[in-house]
Amino acid sequence: MRFIGKPLVFGLSLTPFAWLVAATFGVYGLSLGANPVETLLEDFGTLGLRFTMFALAVTPLRRLTGLNWIAQFRRMIGLFAAFYVTLHFAVYLVLDQGLALAPVIEDIVKRPYITLGMIALVLLLAMTATSTLAARRRLGKRWQKLHNSVYLVGILGVWHYWWQVKSDITEPAIYAAVLTGLLGIRVFWRWQRQRRVKPPVAAASPQSAA
């Protein structure tokens, strides 16, 4: 499964990028519409959020189905989440702002939804930089703490999307519901685990009660 599944997941994950590149250059008559920069910005951002949701869905899907081999795709999916979020920022920086750093910094400071997006990007890049086995061994327990920030990335991503939408919030609300389910089931499992390991309270003896 490893030698078939990983190339398949990689190819499927890269397909949206290939389509957008083809549409950018008008290959086979494809087009990004009247505002190509806005289309790229929105599509790469949405893809980054979707892949973050996919990464968060791996563990619940594995536990609920018993298909443990699903876990082997988590790292790849997480890397694609970082890939698409980075492209989202790159389009904003290069095509939308023309590499003008002053307006970008001003946006990050003054526009809360951009601030949230930047925090999410930094966390994703930190996880990407430490995604190797060597980094995991070197960081020890700190590695798990860092990579648990994927939960925060999910929250920041949905929040970023919600705040930037000006009218119809249907789509960000769907992502918020999915994220609530993915995080909620983890909270439930943790509560169950703590409940199982909690030592029983010893009954008081008549002498101590007196």
C-alpha atoms as a PDB file:
ATOM      1  CA  MET A   1       0.000   0.000   0.000  1.00  0.00           C
ATOM      2  CA  ARG A   2       2.874   2.347   0.791  1.00  0.00           C
ATOM      3  CA  PHE A   3       4.385   2.182  -2.700  1.00  0.00           C
ATOM      4  CA  ILE A   4       1.006   2.655  -4.381  1.00  0.00           C
ATOM      5  CA  GLY A   5      -0.810   4.892  -1.893  1.00  0.00           C
ATOM      6  CA  LYS A   6       1.828   7.569  -1.383  1.00  0.00           C
ATOM      7  CA  PRO A   7       2.410   8.351  -5.089  1.00  0.00           C
ATOM      8  CA  LEU A   8      -1.371   8.343  -5.580  1.00  0.00           C
ATOM      9  CA  VAL A   9      -1.990  10.759  -2.695  1.00  0.00           C
ATOM     10  CA  PHE A  10       0.916  12.927  -3.853  1.00  0.00           C
ATOM     11  CA  GLY A  11      -0.473  13.096  -7.388  1.00  0.00           C
ATOM     12  CA  LEU A  12      -3.997  13.897  -6.225  1.00  0.00           C
ATOM     13  CA  SER A  13      -2.696  16.564  -3.834  1.00  0.00           C
ATOM     14  CA  LEU A  14      -0.675  18.221  -6.588  1.00  0.00           C
ATOM     15  CA  THR A  15      -3.507  18.162  -9.145  1.00  0.00           C
ATOM     16  CA  PRO A  16      -5.148  21.449  -8.013  1.00  0.00           C
ATOM     17  CA  PHE A  17      -1.780  23.207  -8.268  1.00  0.00           C
ATOM     18  CA  ALA A  18      -1.242  21.826 -11.777  1.00  0.00           C
ATOM     19  CA  TRP A  19      -4.717  22.948 -12.820  1.00  0.00           C
ATOM     20  CA  LEU A  20      -4.186  26.480 -11.495  1.00  0.00           C
ATOM     21  CA  VAL A  21      -0.795  26.769 -13.200  1.00  0.00           C
ATOM     22  CA  ALA A  22      -2.338  25.571 -16.468  1.00  0.00           C
ATOM     23  CA  ALA A  23      -5.192  28.055 -16.101  1.00  0.00           C
ATOM     24  CA  THR A  24      -2.705  30.859 -15.368  1.00  0.00           C
ATOM     25  CA  PHE A  25      -1.015  30.302 -18.719  1.00  0.00           C
ATOM     26  CA  GLY A  26      -4.232  29.525 -20.606  1.00  0.00           C
ATOM     27  CA  VAL A  27      -3.291  25.922 -21.362  1.00  0.00           C
ATOM     28  CA  TYR A  28      -6.072  24.002 -23.167  1.00  0.00           C
ATOM     29  CA  GLY A  29      -8.261  27.103 -23.014  1.00  0.00           C
ATOM     30  CA  LEU A  30      -8.355  27.164 -19.204  1.00  0.00           C
ATOM     31  CA  SER A  31      -8.812  30.546 -17.548  1.00  0.00           C
ATOM     32  CA  LEU A  32      -8.735  32.112 -14.102  1.00  0.00           C
ATOM     33  CA  GLY A  33     -11.494  34.573 -14.981  1.00  0.00           C
ATOM     34  CA  ALA A  34     -11.601  38.352 -15.001  1.00  0.00           C
ATOM     35  CA  ASN A  35      -9.437  38.734 -11.862  1.00  0.00           C
ATOM     36  CA  PRO A  36      -6.738  36.022 -11.976  1.00  0.00           C
ATOM     37  CA  VAL A  37      -4.817  37.309  -8.948  1.00  0.00           C
ATOM     38  CA  GLU A  38      -7.916  37.197  -6.758  1.00  0.00           C
ATOM     39  CA  THR A  39      -8.746  33.717  -8.066  1.00  0.00           C
ATOM     40  CA  LEU A  40      -5.264  32.413  -7.261  1.00  0.00           C
ATOM     41  CA  LEU A  41      -5.318  34.067  -3.856  1.00  0.00           C
ATOM     42  CA  GLU A  42      -8.681  32.566  -2.935  1.00  0.00           C
ATOM     43  CA  ASP A  43      -8.034  29.116  -4.403  1.00  0.00           C
ATOM     44  CA  PHE A  44      -4.615  28.639  -2.790  1.00  0.00           C
ATOM     45  CA  GLY A  45      -6.011  29.834   0.535  1.00  0.00           C
ATOM     46  CA  THR A  46      -8.963  27.456   0.323  1.00  0.00           C
ATOM     47  CA  LEU A  47      -6.686  24.570  -0.631  1.00  0.00           C
ATOM     48  CA  GLY A  48      -4.419  25.314   2.336  1.00  0.00           C
ATOM     49  CA  LEU A  49      -7.399  25.250   4.685  1.00  0.00           C
ATOM     50  CA  ARG A  50      -8.772  22.058   3.161  1.00  0.00           C
ATOM     51  CA  PHE A  51      -5.482  20.224   3.487  1.00  0.00           C
ATOM     52  CA  THR A  52      -5.222  21.377   7.089  1.00  0.00           C
ATOM     53  CA  MET A  53      -8.659  19.808   7.669  1.00  0.00           C
ATOM     54  CA  PHE A  54      -7.525  16.643   5.869  1.00  0.00           C
ATOM     55  CA  ALA A  55      -4.453  16.414   8.109  1.00  0.00           C
ATOM     56  CA  LEU A  56      -6.599  16.825  11.223  1.00  0.00           C
ATOM     57  CA  ALA A  57      -9.005  14.168   9.928  1.00  0.00           C
ATOM     58  CA  VAL A  58      -6.360  11.446   9.610  1.00  0.00           C
ATOM     59  CA  THR A  59      -6.304  10.364  13.267  1.00  0.00           C
ATOM     60  CA  PRO A  60     -10.106  10.320  13.778  1.00  0.00           C
ATOM     61  CA  LEU A  61     -10.545   8.431  10.502  1.00  0.00           C
ATOM     62  CA  ARG A  62      -7.876   5.909  11.497  1.00  0.00           C
ATOM     63  CA  ARG A  63      -9.376   5.310  14.935  1.00  0.00           C
ATOM     64  CA  LEU A  64     -12.975   5.122  13.756  1.00  0.00           C
ATOM     65  CA  THR A  65     -12.271   2.775  10.838  1.00  0.00           C
ATOM     66  CA  GLY A  66      -9.373   0.757  12.256  1.00  0.00           C
ATOM     67  CA  LEU A  67      -7.399   1.412   9.049  1.00  0.00           C
ATOM     68  CA  ASN A  68      -4.036   2.171  10.628  1.00  0.00           C
ATOM     69  CA  TRP A  69      -2.276   2.521   7.277  1.00  0.00           C
ATOM     70  CA  ILE A  70      -4.036   5.880   6.802  1.00  0.00           C
ATOM     71  CA  ALA A  71      -1.582   7.415   9.295  1.00  0.00           C
ATOM     72  CA  GLN A  72       1.267   7.142   6.772  1.00  0.00           C
ATOM     73  CA  PHE A  73      -0.282   9.957   4.715  1.00  0.00           C
ATOM     74  CA  ARG A  74      -0.569  12.478   7.561  1.00  0.00           C
ATOM     75  CA  ARG A  75       2.880  14.016   7.088  1.00  0.00           C
ATOM     76  CA  MET A  76       2.453  14.369   3.325  1.00  0.00           C
ATOM     77  CA  ILE A  77      -0.962  15.966   3.695  1.00  0.00           C
ATOM     78  CA  GLY A  78       0.402  18.360   6.319  1.00  0.00           C
ATOM     79  CA  LEU A  79       3.235  19.365   3.994  1.00  0.00           C
ATOM     80  CA  PHE A  80       0.751  20.083   1.213  1.00  0.00           C
ATOM     81  CA  ALA A  81      -1.230  22.251   3.634  1.00  0.00           C
ATOM     82  CA  ALA A  82       1.941  24.301   4.229  1.00  0.00           C
ATOM     83  CA  PHE A  83       2.655  24.306   0.479  1.00  0.00           C
ATOM     84  CA  TYR A  84      -0.709  25.796  -0.462  1.00  0.00           C
ATOM     85  CA  VAL A  85      -0.776  28.308   2.403  1.00  0.00           C
ATOM     86  CA  THR A  86       2.717  29.461   1.375  1.00  0.00           C
ATOM     87  CA  LEU A  87       1.505  29.900  -2.208  1.00  0.00           C
ATOM     88  CA  HIS A  88      -1.482  31.838  -0.872  1.00  0.00           C
ATOM     89  CA  PHE A  89       0.885  34.243   0.868  1.00  0.00           C
ATOM     90  CA  ALA A  90       3.262  34.351  -2.124  1.00  0.00           C
ATOM     91  CA  VAL A  91       0.454  35.439  -4.445  1.00  0.00           C
ATOM     92  CA  TYR A  92      -0.513  38.149  -1.961  1.00  0.00           C
ATOM     93  CA  LEU A  93       3.090  39.321  -1.550  1.00  0.00           C
ATOM     94  CA  VAL A  94       4.253  39.166  -5.182  1.00  0.00           C
ATOM     95  CA  LEU A  95       1.202  39.547  -7.417  1.00  0.00           C
ATOM     96  CA  ASP A  96      -1.144  41.533  -5.198  1.00  0.00           C
ATOM     97  CA  GLN A  97       1.353  43.804  -3.387  1.00  0.00           C
ATOM     98  CA  GLY A  98       4.202  43.766  -5.917  1.00  0.00           C
ATOM     99  CA  LEU A  99       6.789  42.888  -3.244  1.00  0.00           C
ATOM    100  CA  ALA A 100       6.144  46.213  -1.519  1.00  0.00           C
ATOM    101  CA  LEU A 101       7.042  45.281   2.039  1.00  0.00           C
ATOM    102  CA  ALA A 102       5.749  48.426   3.755  1.00  0.00           C
ATOM    103  CA  PRO A 103       2.082  47.864   2.764  1.00  0.00           C
ATOM    104  CA  VAL A 104       2.411  44.165   3.627  1.00  0.00           C
ATOM    105  CA  ILE A 105       3.739  44.914   7.100  1.00  0.00           C
ATOM    106  CA  GLU A 106       1.019  47.518   7.574  1.00  0.00           C
ATOM    107  CA  ASP A 107      -1.637  44.955   6.582  1.00  0.00           C
ATOM    108  CA  ILE A 108      -0.213  42.383   9.002  1.00  0.00           C
ATOM    109  CA  VAL A 109      -0.292  44.899  11.849  1.00  0.00           C
ATOM    110  CA  LYS A 110      -3.595  46.649  11.108  1.00  0.00           C
ATOM    111  CA  ARG A 111      -5.770  43.926   9.576  1.00  0.00           C
ATOM    112  CA  PRO A 112      -6.558  41.237  12.178  1.00  0.00           C
ATOM    113  CA  TYR A 113      -7.488  38.536   9.650  1.00  0.00           C
ATOM    114  CA  ILE A 114      -4.100  38.939   7.943  1.00  0.00           C
ATOM    115  CA  THR A 115      -2.381  38.824  11.343  1.00  0.00           C
ATOM    116  CA  LEU A 116      -4.082  35.498  12.059  1.00  0.00           C
ATOM    117  CA  GLY A 117      -3.094  34.171   8.652  1.00  0.00           C
ATOM    118  CA  MET A 118       0.542  35.114   9.191  1.00  0.00           C
ATOM    119  CA  ILE A 119       0.638  33.366  12.572  1.00  0.00           C
ATOM    120  CA  ALA A 120      -0.803  30.237  10.951  1.00  0.00           C
ATOM    121  CA  LEU A 121       1.784  30.422   8.146  1.00  0.00           C
ATOM    122  CA  VAL A 122       4.696  30.766  10.577  1.00  0.00           C
ATOM    123  CA  LEU A 123       3.486  27.753  12.568  1.00  0.00           C
ATOM    124  CA  LEU A 124       3.076  25.681   9.402  1.00  0.00           C
ATOM    125  CA  LEU A 125       6.571  26.596   8.226  1.00  0.00           C
ATOM    126  CA  ALA A 126       7.994  25.677  11.642  1.00  0.00           C
ATOM    127  CA  MET A 127       6.285  22.284  11.466  1.00  0.00           C
ATOM    128  CA  THR A 128       7.490  21.799   7.902  1.00  0.00           C
ATOM    129  CA  ALA A 129      11.085  22.598   8.866  1.00  0.00           C
ATOM    130  CA  THR A 130      10.935  20.022  11.686  1.00  0.00           C
ATOM    131  CA  SER A 131       8.977  17.318   9.868  1.00  0.00           C
ATOM    132  CA  THR A 132      11.926  14.963   9.408  1.00  0.00           C
ATOM    133  CA  LEU A 133      12.778  12.030  11.678  1.00  0.00           C
ATOM    134  CA  ALA A 134      16.126  13.648  12.494  1.00  0.00           C
ATOM    135  CA  ALA A 135      14.376  16.800  13.712  1.00  0.00           C
ATOM    136  CA  ARG A 136      11.970  14.708  15.754  1.00  0.00           C
ATOM    137  CA  ARG A 137      14.833  12.923  17.505  1.00  0.00           C
ATOM    138  CA  ARG A 138      16.713  16.167  18.066  1.00  0.00           C
ATOM    139  CA  LEU A 139      13.745  18.039  19.554  1.00  0.00           C
ATOM    140  CA  GLY A 140      12.425  15.173  21.673  1.00  0.00           C
ATOM    141  CA  LYS A 141       9.302  16.118  23.633  1.00  0.00           C
ATOM    142  CA  ARG A 142       9.389  19.648  22.196  1.00  0.00           C
ATOM    143  CA  TRP A 143       8.672  18.178  18.756  1.00  0.00           C
ATOM    144  CA  GLN A 144       5.240  16.910  19.793  1.00  0.00           C
ATOM    145  CA  LYS A 145       4.395  20.216  21.454  1.00  0.00           C
ATOM    146  CA  LEU A 146       5.306  22.100  18.286  1.00  0.00           C
ATOM    147  CA  HIS A 147       3.370  19.787  16.000  1.00  0.00           C
ATOM    148  CA  ASN A 148       0.314  19.913  18.255  1.00  0.00           C
ATOM    149  CA  SER A 149       0.037  23.510  17.074  1.00  0.00           C
ATOM    150  CA  VAL A 150      -1.673  22.113  13.971  1.00  0.00           C
ATOM    151  CA  TYR A 151      -4.860  22.414  16.045  1.00  0.00           C
ATOM    152  CA  LEU A 152      -4.183  26.123  16.466  1.00  0.00           C
ATOM    153  CA  VAL A 153      -3.427  26.416  12.749  1.00  0.00           C
ATOM    154  CA  GLY A 154      -6.856  24.966  11.989  1.00  0.00           C
ATOM    155  CA  ILE A 155      -8.541  27.470  14.301  1.00  0.00           C
ATOM    156  CA  LEU A 156      -6.536  30.397  12.912  1.00  0.00           C
ATOM    157  CA  GLY A 157      -7.214  29.317   9.331  1.00  0.00           C
ATOM    158  CA  VAL A 158     -10.981  29.173   9.809  1.00  0.00           C
ATOM    159  CA  TRP A 159     -10.927  32.447  11.747  1.00  0.00           C
ATOM    160  CA  HIS A 160      -8.827  34.105   9.013  1.00  0.00           C
ATOM    161  CA  TYR A 161     -11.292  32.942   6.365  1.00  0.00           C
ATOM    162  CA  TRP A 162     -14.349  33.967   8.385  1.00  0.00           C
ATOM    163  CA  TRP A 163     -13.099  37.512   9.037  1.00  0.00           C
ATOM    164  CA  GLN A 164     -12.149  38.191   5.442  1.00  0.00           C
ATOM    165  CA  VAL A 165     -15.588  37.196   4.100  1.00  0.00           C
ATOM    166  CA  LYS A 166     -17.714  40.308   3.798  1.00  0.00           C
ATOM    167  CA  SER A 167     -21.196  38.905   3.180  1.00  0.00           C
ATOM    168  CA  ASP A 168     -22.003  35.208   2.723  1.00  0.00           C
ATOM    169  CA  ILE A 169     -20.404  33.241   5.569  1.00  0.00           C
ATOM    170  CA  THR A 170     -21.822  29.867   4.487  1.00  0.00           C
ATOM    171  CA  GLU A 171     -18.498  28.379   3.384  1.00  0.00           C
ATOM    172  CA  PRO A 172     -16.407  29.492   6.399  1.00  0.00           C
ATOM    173  CA  ALA A 173     -19.253  28.287   8.650  1.00  0.00           C
ATOM    174  CA  ILE A 174     -18.960  24.827   7.049  1.00  0.00           C
ATOM    175  CA  TYR A 175     -15.221  24.766   7.740  1.00  0.00           C
ATOM    176  CA  ALA A 176     -15.896  25.922  11.308  1.00  0.00           C
ATOM    177  CA  ALA A 177     -18.374  23.049  11.785  1.00  0.00           C
ATOM    178  CA  VAL A 178     -15.926  20.498  10.381  1.00  0.00           C
ATOM    179  CA  LEU A 179     -13.131  21.832  12.594  1.00  0.00           C
ATOM    180  CA  THR A 180     -15.402  21.748  15.652  1.00  0.00           C
ATOM    181  CA  GLY A 181     -16.139  18.091  14.951  1.00  0.00           C
ATOM    182  CA  LEU A 182     -12.477  17.187  14.415  1.00  0.00           C
ATOM    183  CA  LEU A 183     -11.353  18.909  17.608  1.00  0.00           C
ATOM    184  CA  GLY A 184     -14.431  17.902  19.591  1.00  0.00           C
ATOM    185  CA  ILE A 185     -13.887  14.190  19.043  1.00  0.00           C
ATOM    186  CA  ARG A 186     -10.314  14.561  20.309  1.00  0.00           C
ATOM    187  CA  VAL A 187     -11.561  16.309  23.447  1.00  0.00           C
ATOM    188  CA  PHE A 188     -14.078  13.483  23.958  1.00  0.00           C
ATOM    189  CA  TRP A 189     -11.404  10.798  23.559  1.00  0.00           C
ATOM    190  CA  ARG A 190      -9.123  12.608  25.992  1.00  0.00           C
ATOM    191  CA  TRP A 191     -11.965  12.863  28.532  1.00  0.00           C
ATOM    192  CA  GLN A 192     -12.621   9.131  28.158  1.00  0.00           C
ATOM    193  CA  ARG A 193      -8.927   8.318  28.651  1.00  0.00           C
ATOM    194  CA  GLN A 194      -8.664  10.458  31.775  1.00  0.00           C
ATOM    195  CA  ARG A 195     -11.830   8.907  33.125  1.00  0.00           C
ATOM    196  CA  ARG A 196     -10.424   5.382  32.694  1.00  0.00           C
ATOM    197  CA  VAL A 197      -7.118   6.108  34.430  1.00  0.00           C
ATOM    198  CA  LYS A 198      -8.573   8.179  37.277  1.00  0.00           C
ATOM    199  CA  PRO A 199      -8.112   6.204  40.546  1.00  0.00           C
ATOM    200  CA  PRO A 200     -11.303   5.393  42.446  1.00  0.00           C
ATOM    201  CA  VAL A 201     -12.006   7.395  45.600  1.00  0.00           C
ATOM    202  CA  ALA A 202     -11.639   5.183  48.664  1.00  0.00           C
ATOM    203  CA  ALA A 203     -14.706   4.966  50.903  1.00  0.00           C
ATOM    204  CA  ALA A 204     -14.234   6.527  54.343  1.00  0.00           C
ATOM    205  CA  SER A 205     -14.061   4.074  57.265  1.00  0.00           C
ATOM    206  CA  PRO A 206     -16.393   4.490  60.284  1.00  0.00           C
ATOM    207  CA  GLN A 207     -13.410   5.435  62.472  1.00  0.00           C
ATOM    208  CA  SER A 208     -12.253   8.205  60.109  1.00  0.00           C
ATOM    209  CA  ALA A 209     -15.797   9.454  59.676  1.00  0.00           C
ATOM    210  CA  ALA A 210     -16.076   9.834  63.442  1.00  0.00           C
END
